[in-house]
Amino acid sequence: MVGVVVNVSTVLLGSFIGLVFKKGISKKYSDAVMTGIGLCTVLIGVQGMLKGENVLVAIISMVLGAIAGTALDIDGKLNGAGDFLSRKLKKGNGDKVSLSEGFVTASLLFCVGAMTIVGSLNSGLKGDHSMIFTKSVLDFFSSMMLSASLGIGVPFAALFVLVFQGGIVLLAGVLEPILSAAAVAETTCVGSLMILSLGLNLTGIGKFKVANYLPALLFVPFVCYLFEFLGRYIPALS
C-alpha cells in the first residue's frame, strides 16, 4: 500500500495548494480557467475512448451502470453533500462550492486508465511501486489545477483513490485474471466516456448526471469476461 499512500498524499497536497491559489483568483479568471479545464477534459475523454475495441462492452456496461447508479441516486447524494458543504464553506460573495463536480471529475481523471490499474496490480503482486510513483507526480500537478478551478470537491477524490487503487492492490491476486488487457482497455474507454461528459458539463454544453454512471466501471471486467466466454461459441462476439 506504500504507492497508494504516496498517491493519496500527493493528491491532498496538490489540492491544498490549488485551493490556496483559488482564493486569489477573481471570478472572471476562474470562469475562463474552468472553461479551459473543461475543453482539456473533453480532449482526455476522446483520447481514452479510442482505447476500447468492443463497443458492445461499453454499451452494456454503461446501461447496467446507469441503472445501478440511478437506483442508488449517487448523483443526488453527492449533490446533497455538496449543498451541505456549500452552506458551511461558501464565501461572503455567495460563491457555491461544487463538491459533486470536483469530486467526480478528479476521481475519474485520477483513477481511469492503464497506469492506475496496471500500476496497482504491479504494486500488489510484485511490490513494484514505480508506476504509481510516476502517476503520483502527475496527479500532484493535476490536483493543483483542478482544485484551483473546481474547488473543494477535488481533495475528496483522494478517498476514491484510496478505495479504488487500494482495493486493486489488496486484491491483486484475485483481480489479475479478471483485469486482462482487454478489460483494462474497455475500462479506460467507459471511464473516458464519463470524462467526456464531465468536460461537456464544465464547458456548459451538457448537464449530465455523470456520478450515476460510476458503477459502470465495476461492470466492465465482468462484461468482458462474459464476451470472452461466449466468444468461444459465437465467434462474432469475440
C-alpha atoms as a PDB file:
ATOM      1  CA  MET A   1       0.000   0.000   0.000  1.00  0.00           C
ATOM      2  CA  VAL A   2       3.043   2.293   0.004  1.00  0.00           C
ATOM      3  CA  GLY A   3       2.372   3.510  -3.520  1.00  0.00           C
ATOM      4  CA  VAL A   4      -1.300   4.196  -2.777  1.00  0.00           C
ATOM      5  CA  VAL A   5      -0.463   6.171   0.382  1.00  0.00           C
ATOM      6  CA  VAL A   6       2.018   8.279  -1.605  1.00  0.00           C
ATOM      7  CA  ASN A   7      -0.568   8.857  -4.354  1.00  0.00           C
ATOM      8  CA  VAL A   8      -3.252   9.892  -1.860  1.00  0.00           C
ATOM      9  CA  SER A   9      -0.781  12.250  -0.166  1.00  0.00           C
ATOM     10  CA  THR A  10       0.196  13.959  -3.427  1.00  0.00           C
ATOM     11  CA  VAL A  11      -3.477  14.456  -4.360  1.00  0.00           C
ATOM     12  CA  LEU A  12      -4.207  16.040  -0.976  1.00  0.00           C
ATOM     13  CA  LEU A  13      -1.106  18.242  -1.076  1.00  0.00           C
ATOM     14  CA  GLY A  14      -1.727  19.373  -4.643  1.00  0.00           C
ATOM     15  CA  SER A  15      -5.390  20.069  -3.870  1.00  0.00           C
ATOM     16  CA  PHE A  16      -4.478  22.148  -0.805  1.00  0.00           C
ATOM     17  CA  ILE A  17      -2.052  24.262  -2.843  1.00  0.00           C
ATOM     18  CA  GLY A  18      -4.686  24.733  -5.562  1.00  0.00           C
ATOM     19  CA  LEU A  19      -7.327  25.815  -3.044  1.00  0.00           C
ATOM     20  CA  VAL A  20      -4.927  28.394  -1.592  1.00  0.00           C
ATOM     21  CA  PHE A  21      -4.331  29.879  -5.047  1.00  0.00           C
ATOM     22  CA  LYS A  22      -8.062  29.772  -5.821  1.00  0.00           C
ATOM     23  CA  LYS A  23      -8.709  32.372  -3.118  1.00  0.00           C
ATOM     24  CA  GLY A  24      -6.711  34.951  -5.054  1.00  0.00           C
ATOM     25  CA  ILE A  25      -8.368  34.361  -8.440  1.00  0.00           C
ATOM     26  CA  SER A  26     -11.282  36.614  -9.455  1.00  0.00           C
ATOM     27  CA  LYS A  27     -14.483  35.077 -10.858  1.00  0.00           C
ATOM     28  CA  LYS A  28     -13.714  36.327 -14.378  1.00  0.00           C
ATOM     29  CA  TYR A  29     -10.447  34.428 -14.488  1.00  0.00           C
ATOM     30  CA  SER A  30     -11.860  31.464 -12.592  1.00  0.00           C
ATOM     31  CA  ASP A  31     -14.620  31.036 -15.195  1.00  0.00           C
ATOM     32  CA  ALA A  32     -12.093  31.265 -18.033  1.00  0.00           C
ATOM     33  CA  VAL A  33      -9.849  28.671 -16.373  1.00  0.00           C
ATOM     34  CA  MET A  34     -12.815  26.349 -15.786  1.00  0.00           C
ATOM     35  CA  THR A  35     -13.779  26.506 -19.472  1.00  0.00           C
ATOM     36  CA  GLY A  36     -10.190  25.701 -20.409  1.00  0.00           C
ATOM     37  CA  ILE A  37     -10.132  22.776 -17.980  1.00  0.00           C
ATOM     38  CA  GLY A  38     -13.414  21.603 -19.490  1.00  0.00           C
ATOM     39  CA  LEU A  39     -12.016  21.638 -23.030  1.00  0.00           C
ATOM     40  CA  CYS A  40      -8.910  19.739 -21.905  1.00  0.00           C
ATOM     41  CA  THR A  41     -11.160  17.232 -20.124  1.00  0.00           C
ATOM     42  CA  VAL A  42     -13.066  16.686 -23.381  1.00  0.00           C
ATOM     43  CA  LEU A  43      -9.739  16.003 -25.128  1.00  0.00           C
ATOM     44  CA  ILE A  44      -8.706  13.489 -22.440  1.00  0.00           C
ATOM     45  CA  GLY A  45     -12.075  11.770 -22.772  1.00  0.00           C
ATOM     46  CA  VAL A  46     -11.849  11.478 -26.552  1.00  0.00           C
ATOM     47  CA  GLN A  47      -8.307  10.083 -26.389  1.00  0.00           C
ATOM     48  CA  GLY A  48      -9.291   7.485 -23.806  1.00  0.00           C
ATOM     49  CA  MET A  49     -12.433   6.411 -25.669  1.00  0.00           C
ATOM     50  CA  LEU A  50     -10.261   5.274 -28.572  1.00  0.00           C
ATOM     51  CA  LYS A  51      -8.670   2.620 -26.320  1.00  0.00           C
ATOM     52  CA  GLY A  52     -11.823   0.490 -26.470  1.00  0.00           C
ATOM     53  CA  GLU A  53     -12.192  -2.250 -29.060  1.00  0.00           C
ATOM     54  CA  ASN A  54     -15.709  -3.598 -28.423  1.00  0.00           C
ATOM     55  CA  VAL A  55     -18.484  -1.020 -28.419  1.00  0.00           C
ATOM     56  CA  LEU A  56     -20.990  -3.584 -27.109  1.00  0.00           C
ATOM     57  CA  VAL A  57     -18.997  -3.897 -23.881  1.00  0.00           C
ATOM     58  CA  ALA A  58     -19.210  -0.143 -23.411  1.00  0.00           C
ATOM     59  CA  ILE A  59     -22.941  -0.041 -24.172  1.00  0.00           C
ATOM     60  CA  ILE A  60     -23.865  -2.894 -21.816  1.00  0.00           C
ATOM     61  CA  SER A  61     -21.623  -1.607 -19.013  1.00  0.00           C
ATOM     62  CA  MET A  62     -22.996   1.924 -19.299  1.00  0.00           C
ATOM     63  CA  VAL A  63     -26.597   0.691 -19.292  1.00  0.00           C
ATOM     64  CA  LEU A  64     -26.036  -1.515 -16.233  1.00  0.00           C
ATOM     65  CA  GLY A  65     -24.076   1.247 -14.523  1.00  0.00           C
ATOM     66  CA  ALA A  66     -26.801   3.804 -15.242  1.00  0.00           C
ATOM     67  CA  ILE A  67     -29.473   1.531 -13.774  1.00  0.00           C
ATOM     68  CA  ALA A  68     -27.428   0.840 -10.630  1.00  0.00           C
ATOM     69  CA  GLY A  69     -26.294   4.446 -10.202  1.00  0.00           C
ATOM     70  CA  THR A  70     -29.785   5.851 -10.708  1.00  0.00           C
ATOM     71  CA  ALA A  71     -31.266   3.336  -8.257  1.00  0.00           C
ATOM     72  CA  LEU A  72     -28.651   4.359  -5.674  1.00  0.00           C
ATOM     73  CA  ASP A  73     -29.061   8.043  -6.627  1.00  0.00           C
ATOM     74  CA  ILE A  74     -25.287   8.592  -6.414  1.00  0.00           C
ATOM     75  CA  ASP A  75     -25.509  11.978  -8.118  1.00  0.00           C
ATOM     76  CA  GLY A  76     -28.252  13.151  -5.747  1.00  0.00           C
ATOM     77  CA  LYS A  77     -26.324  12.062  -2.673  1.00  0.00           C
ATOM     78  CA  LEU A  78     -23.140  13.778  -3.846  1.00  0.00           C
ATOM     79  CA  ASN A  79     -25.023  16.962  -4.686  1.00  0.00           C
ATOM     80  CA  GLY A  80     -26.707  16.819  -1.290  1.00  0.00           C
ATOM     81  CA  ALA A  81     -23.302  16.610   0.360  1.00  0.00           C
ATOM     82  CA  GLY A  82     -22.135  19.456  -1.877  1.00  0.00           C
ATOM     83  CA  ASP A  83     -25.086  21.626  -0.844  1.00  0.00           C
ATOM     84  CA  PHE A  84     -24.296  20.951   2.808  1.00  0.00           C
ATOM     85  CA  LEU A  85     -20.656  21.955   2.320  1.00  0.00           C
ATOM     86  CA  SER A  86     -21.769  24.980   0.311  1.00  0.00           C
ATOM     87  CA  ARG A  87     -23.725  26.286   3.281  1.00  0.00           C
ATOM     88  CA  LYS A  88     -20.742  25.679   5.552  1.00  0.00           C
ATOM     89  CA  LEU A  89     -17.944  26.830   3.286  1.00  0.00           C
ATOM     90  CA  LYS A  90     -19.351  29.479   0.942  1.00  0.00           C
ATOM     91  CA  LYS A  91     -17.664  32.850   0.990  1.00  0.00           C
ATOM     92  CA  GLY A  92     -19.170  36.227   1.605  1.00  0.00           C
ATOM     93  CA  ASN A  93     -19.805  36.747  -2.114  1.00  0.00           C
ATOM     94  CA  GLY A  94     -22.109  33.707  -2.162  1.00  0.00           C
ATOM     95  CA  ASP A  95     -19.976  31.567  -4.469  1.00  0.00           C
ATOM     96  CA  LYS A  96     -21.173  27.977  -4.319  1.00  0.00           C
ATOM     97  CA  VAL A  97     -18.822  25.097  -3.659  1.00  0.00           C
ATOM     98  CA  SER A  98     -19.479  22.200  -6.047  1.00  0.00           C
ATOM     99  CA  LEU A  99     -18.478  19.012  -4.295  1.00  0.00           C
ATOM    100  CA  SER A 100     -20.033  16.668  -6.852  1.00  0.00           C
ATOM    101  CA  GLU A 101     -18.438  18.242  -9.930  1.00  0.00           C
ATOM    102  CA  GLY A 102     -14.971  18.485  -8.422  1.00  0.00           C
ATOM    103  CA  PHE A 103     -15.091  15.068  -6.773  1.00  0.00           C
ATOM    104  CA  VAL A 104     -16.321  13.120  -9.814  1.00  0.00           C
ATOM    105  CA  THR A 105     -14.065  14.938 -12.293  1.00  0.00           C
ATOM    106  CA  ALA A 106     -10.935  14.435 -10.189  1.00  0.00           C
ATOM    107  CA  SER A 107     -11.811  10.842  -9.231  1.00  0.00           C
ATOM    108  CA  LEU A 108     -12.193   9.761 -12.845  1.00  0.00           C
ATOM    109  CA  LEU A 109      -9.097  11.606 -14.045  1.00  0.00           C
ATOM    110  CA  PHE A 110      -7.012  10.099 -11.229  1.00  0.00           C
ATOM    111  CA  CYS A 111      -8.343   6.537 -11.433  1.00  0.00           C
ATOM    112  CA  VAL A 112      -9.303   5.773 -15.045  1.00  0.00           C
ATOM    113  CA  GLY A 113      -6.546   4.418 -17.229  1.00  0.00           C
ATOM    114  CA  ALA A 114      -3.982   1.698 -17.666  1.00  0.00           C
ATOM    115  CA  MET A 115      -1.428   3.411 -15.410  1.00  0.00           C
ATOM    116  CA  THR A 116      -3.797   3.165 -12.440  1.00  0.00           C
ATOM    117  CA  ILE A 117      -4.821  -0.451 -12.951  1.00  0.00           C
ATOM    118  CA  VAL A 118      -1.501  -1.912 -14.126  1.00  0.00           C
ATOM    119  CA  GLY A 119       0.444   0.135 -11.576  1.00  0.00           C
ATOM    120  CA  SER A 120      -1.797  -1.090  -8.743  1.00  0.00           C
ATOM    121  CA  LEU A 121      -1.501  -4.706  -9.906  1.00  0.00           C
ATOM    122  CA  ASN A 122       2.291  -4.403 -10.056  1.00  0.00           C
ATOM    123  CA  SER A 123       2.281  -2.900  -6.575  1.00  0.00           C
ATOM    124  CA  GLY A 124       0.143  -5.690  -5.142  1.00  0.00           C
ATOM    125  CA  LEU A 125       1.720  -8.637  -6.947  1.00  0.00           C
ATOM    126  CA  LYS A 126       5.380  -7.642  -7.215  1.00  0.00           C
ATOM    127  CA  GLY A 127       5.858  -4.838  -4.712  1.00  0.00           C
ATOM    128  CA  ASP A 128       6.833  -2.627  -7.656  1.00  0.00           C
ATOM    129  CA  HIS A 129       5.529   0.889  -6.926  1.00  0.00           C
ATOM    130  CA  SER A 130       7.408   2.717  -9.706  1.00  0.00           C
ATOM    131  CA  MET A 131       4.379   3.235 -11.968  1.00  0.00           C
ATOM    132  CA  ILE A 132       2.211   4.515  -9.109  1.00  0.00           C
ATOM    133  CA  PHE A 133       5.015   6.863  -8.018  1.00  0.00           C
ATOM    134  CA  THR A 134       5.133   8.282 -11.556  1.00  0.00           C
ATOM    135  CA  LYS A 135       1.342   8.640 -11.536  1.00  0.00           C
ATOM    136  CA  SER A 136       1.545  10.371  -8.145  1.00  0.00           C
ATOM    137  CA  VAL A 137       3.714  13.128  -9.611  1.00  0.00           C
ATOM    138  CA  LEU A 138       1.239  13.646 -12.459  1.00  0.00           C
ATOM    139  CA  ASP A 139      -1.713  13.661 -10.041  1.00  0.00           C
ATOM    140  CA  PHE A 140       0.033  16.235  -7.854  1.00  0.00           C
ATOM    141  CA  PHE A 141       0.069  18.813 -10.644  1.00  0.00           C
ATOM    142  CA  SER A 142      -3.379  17.796 -11.929  1.00  0.00           C
ATOM    143  CA  SER A 143      -4.930  18.178  -8.460  1.00  0.00           C
ATOM    144  CA  MET A 144      -3.464  21.688  -8.150  1.00  0.00           C
ATOM    145  CA  MET A 145      -5.034  22.831 -11.418  1.00  0.00           C
ATOM    146  CA  LEU A 146      -8.347  21.084 -10.790  1.00  0.00           C
ATOM    147  CA  SER A 147      -8.826  22.368  -7.240  1.00  0.00           C
ATOM    148  CA  ALA A 148      -7.940  25.902  -8.344  1.00  0.00           C
ATOM    149  CA  SER A 149     -10.861  25.785 -10.794  1.00  0.00           C
ATOM    150  CA  LEU A 150     -13.304  23.215  -9.339  1.00  0.00           C
ATOM    151  CA  GLY A 151     -12.805  23.840  -5.645  1.00  0.00           C
ATOM    152  CA  ILE A 152     -13.363  21.796  -2.517  1.00  0.00           C
ATOM    153  CA  GLY A 153     -14.620  18.634  -4.225  1.00  0.00           C
ATOM    154  CA  VAL A 154     -11.190  17.774  -5.637  1.00  0.00           C
ATOM    155  CA  PRO A 155      -9.410  16.793  -2.380  1.00  0.00           C
ATOM    156  CA  PHE A 156     -12.265  14.407  -1.604  1.00  0.00           C
ATOM    157  CA  ALA A 157     -11.152  12.437  -4.679  1.00  0.00           C
ATOM    158  CA  ALA A 158      -8.259  11.237  -2.517  1.00  0.00           C
ATOM    159  CA  LEU A 159     -10.800   8.961  -0.794  1.00  0.00           C
ATOM    160  CA  PHE A 160     -11.745   7.460  -4.150  1.00  0.00           C
ATOM    161  CA  VAL A 161      -8.065   6.944  -4.983  1.00  0.00           C
ATOM    162  CA  LEU A 162      -7.566   5.221  -1.634  1.00  0.00           C
ATOM    163  CA  VAL A 163     -10.540   2.885  -2.073  1.00  0.00           C
ATOM    164  CA  PHE A 164     -10.162   2.194  -5.806  1.00  0.00           C
ATOM    165  CA  GLN A 165      -6.387   1.809  -6.074  1.00  0.00           C
ATOM    166  CA  GLY A 166      -6.064   0.355  -2.605  1.00  0.00           C
ATOM    167  CA  GLY A 167      -8.703  -2.240  -3.429  1.00  0.00           C
ATOM    168  CA  ILE A 168      -6.829  -3.320  -6.559  1.00  0.00           C
ATOM    169  CA  VAL A 169      -3.544  -3.548  -4.626  1.00  0.00           C
ATOM    170  CA  LEU A 170      -5.026  -5.619  -1.802  1.00  0.00           C
ATOM    171  CA  LEU A 171      -6.988  -7.890  -4.162  1.00  0.00           C
ATOM    172  CA  ALA A 172      -4.338  -8.019  -6.890  1.00  0.00           C
ATOM    173  CA  GLY A 173      -4.044 -11.804  -6.792  1.00  0.00           C
ATOM    174  CA  VAL A 174      -7.787 -12.195  -7.278  1.00  0.00           C
ATOM    175  CA  LEU A 175      -8.238  -9.405  -9.807  1.00  0.00           C
ATOM    176  CA  GLU A 176      -5.273 -10.178 -12.080  1.00  0.00           C
ATOM    177  CA  PRO A 177      -7.121 -12.863 -14.123  1.00  0.00           C
ATOM    178  CA  ILE A 178     -10.198 -10.612 -14.422  1.00  0.00           C
ATOM    179  CA  LEU A 179      -8.356  -7.418 -15.331  1.00  0.00           C
ATOM    180  CA  SER A 180      -6.988  -8.675 -18.626  1.00  0.00           C
ATOM    181  CA  ALA A 181      -5.519  -6.321 -21.214  1.00  0.00           C
ATOM    182  CA  ALA A 182      -8.919  -6.198 -22.923  1.00  0.00           C
ATOM    183  CA  ALA A 183     -10.679  -5.389 -19.636  1.00  0.00           C
ATOM    184  CA  VAL A 184      -8.214  -2.580 -18.886  1.00  0.00           C
ATOM    185  CA  ALA A 185      -8.750  -1.115 -22.376  1.00  0.00           C
ATOM    186  CA  GLU A 186     -12.544  -1.281 -22.104  1.00  0.00           C
ATOM    187  CA  THR A 187     -12.487   0.177 -18.570  1.00  0.00           C
ATOM    188  CA  THR A 188     -10.433   3.071 -19.918  1.00  0.00           C
ATOM    189  CA  CYS A 189     -12.952   3.524 -22.733  1.00  0.00           C
ATOM    190  CA  VAL A 190     -16.007   3.519 -20.446  1.00  0.00           C
ATOM    191  CA  GLY A 191     -14.347   5.810 -17.912  1.00  0.00           C
ATOM    192  CA  SER A 192     -13.334   8.152 -20.700  1.00  0.00           C
ATOM    193  CA  LEU A 193     -16.947   8.380 -21.852  1.00  0.00           C
ATOM    194  CA  MET A 194     -17.731   9.763 -18.412  1.00  0.00           C
ATOM    195  CA  ILE A 195     -14.715  12.082 -18.571  1.00  0.00           C
ATOM    196  CA  LEU A 196     -16.004  13.420 -21.905  1.00  0.00           C
ATOM    197  CA  SER A 197     -19.412  14.048 -20.314  1.00  0.00           C
ATOM    198  CA  LEU A 198     -17.731  15.883 -17.443  1.00  0.00           C
ATOM    199  CA  GLY A 199     -15.851  18.039 -19.914  1.00  0.00           C
ATOM    200  CA  LEU A 200     -19.105  18.967 -21.647  1.00  0.00           C
ATOM    201  CA  ASN A 201     -20.616  19.821 -18.258  1.00  0.00           C
ATOM    202  CA  LEU A 202     -17.666  22.048 -17.363  1.00  0.00           C
ATOM    203  CA  THR A 203     -17.959  23.975 -20.630  1.00  0.00           C
ATOM    204  CA  GLY A 204     -21.692  24.463 -20.063  1.00  0.00           C
ATOM    205  CA  ILE A 205     -22.684  22.408 -23.111  1.00  0.00           C
ATOM    206  CA  GLY A 206     -24.132  19.441 -21.194  1.00  0.00           C
ATOM    207  CA  LYS A 207     -25.894  18.688 -17.932  1.00  0.00           C
ATOM    208  CA  PHE A 208     -25.135  15.014 -17.474  1.00  0.00           C
ATOM    209  CA  LYS A 209     -25.523  13.278 -14.096  1.00  0.00           C
ATOM    210  CA  VAL A 210     -22.142  11.612 -14.534  1.00  0.00           C
ATOM    211  CA  ALA A 211     -21.912  10.268 -10.982  1.00  0.00           C
ATOM    212  CA  ASN A 212     -24.833   7.938 -11.688  1.00  0.00           C
ATOM    213  CA  TYR A 213     -22.705   6.131 -14.284  1.00  0.00           C
ATOM    214  CA  LEU A 214     -19.779   5.368 -11.948  1.00  0.00           C
ATOM    215  CA  PRO A 215     -20.958   1.759 -11.261  1.00  0.00           C
ATOM    216  CA  ALA A 216     -20.322   1.038 -14.958  1.00  0.00           C
ATOM    217  CA  LEU A 217     -16.608   0.794 -14.117  1.00  0.00           C
ATOM    218  CA  LEU A 218     -17.361  -2.207 -11.902  1.00  0.00           C
ATOM    219  CA  PHE A 219     -19.374  -3.969 -14.598  1.00  0.00           C
ATOM    220  CA  VAL A 220     -16.784  -3.692 -17.389  1.00  0.00           C
ATOM    221  CA  PRO A 221     -14.464  -6.584 -16.356  1.00  0.00           C
ATOM    222  CA  PHE A 222     -17.402  -8.953 -15.911  1.00  0.00           C
ATOM    223  CA  VAL A 223     -18.961  -7.979 -19.242  1.00  0.00           C
ATOM    224  CA  CYS A 224     -15.563  -8.508 -20.905  1.00  0.00           C
ATOM    225  CA  TYR A 225     -15.289 -11.952 -19.287  1.00  0.00           C
ATOM    226  CA  LEU A 226     -18.818 -12.800 -20.472  1.00  0.00           C
ATOM    227  CA  PHE A 227     -17.977 -11.796 -24.046  1.00  0.00           C
ATOM    228  CA  GLU A 228     -14.737 -13.789 -23.908  1.00  0.00           C
ATOM    229  CA  PHE A 229     -16.650 -16.854 -22.701  1.00  0.00           C
ATOM    230  CA  LEU A 230     -19.429 -16.516 -25.271  1.00  0.00           C
ATOM    231  CA  GLY A 231     -16.873 -15.786 -27.989  1.00  0.00           C
ATOM    232  CA  ARG A 232     -15.698 -19.394 -27.752  1.00  0.00           C
ATOM    233  CA  TYR A 233     -19.066 -20.483 -29.062  1.00  0.00           C
ATOM    234  CA  ILE A 234     -20.154 -17.386 -31.003  1.00  0.00           C
ATOM    235  CA  PRO A 235     -17.113 -16.061 -32.916  1.00  0.00           C
ATOM    236  CA  ALA A 236     -18.882 -12.823 -33.808  1.00  0.00           C
ATOM    237  CA  LEU A 237     -18.758 -11.782 -30.123  1.00  0.00           C
ATOM    238  CA  SER A 238     -15.035 -12.368 -29.684  1.00  0.00           C
END
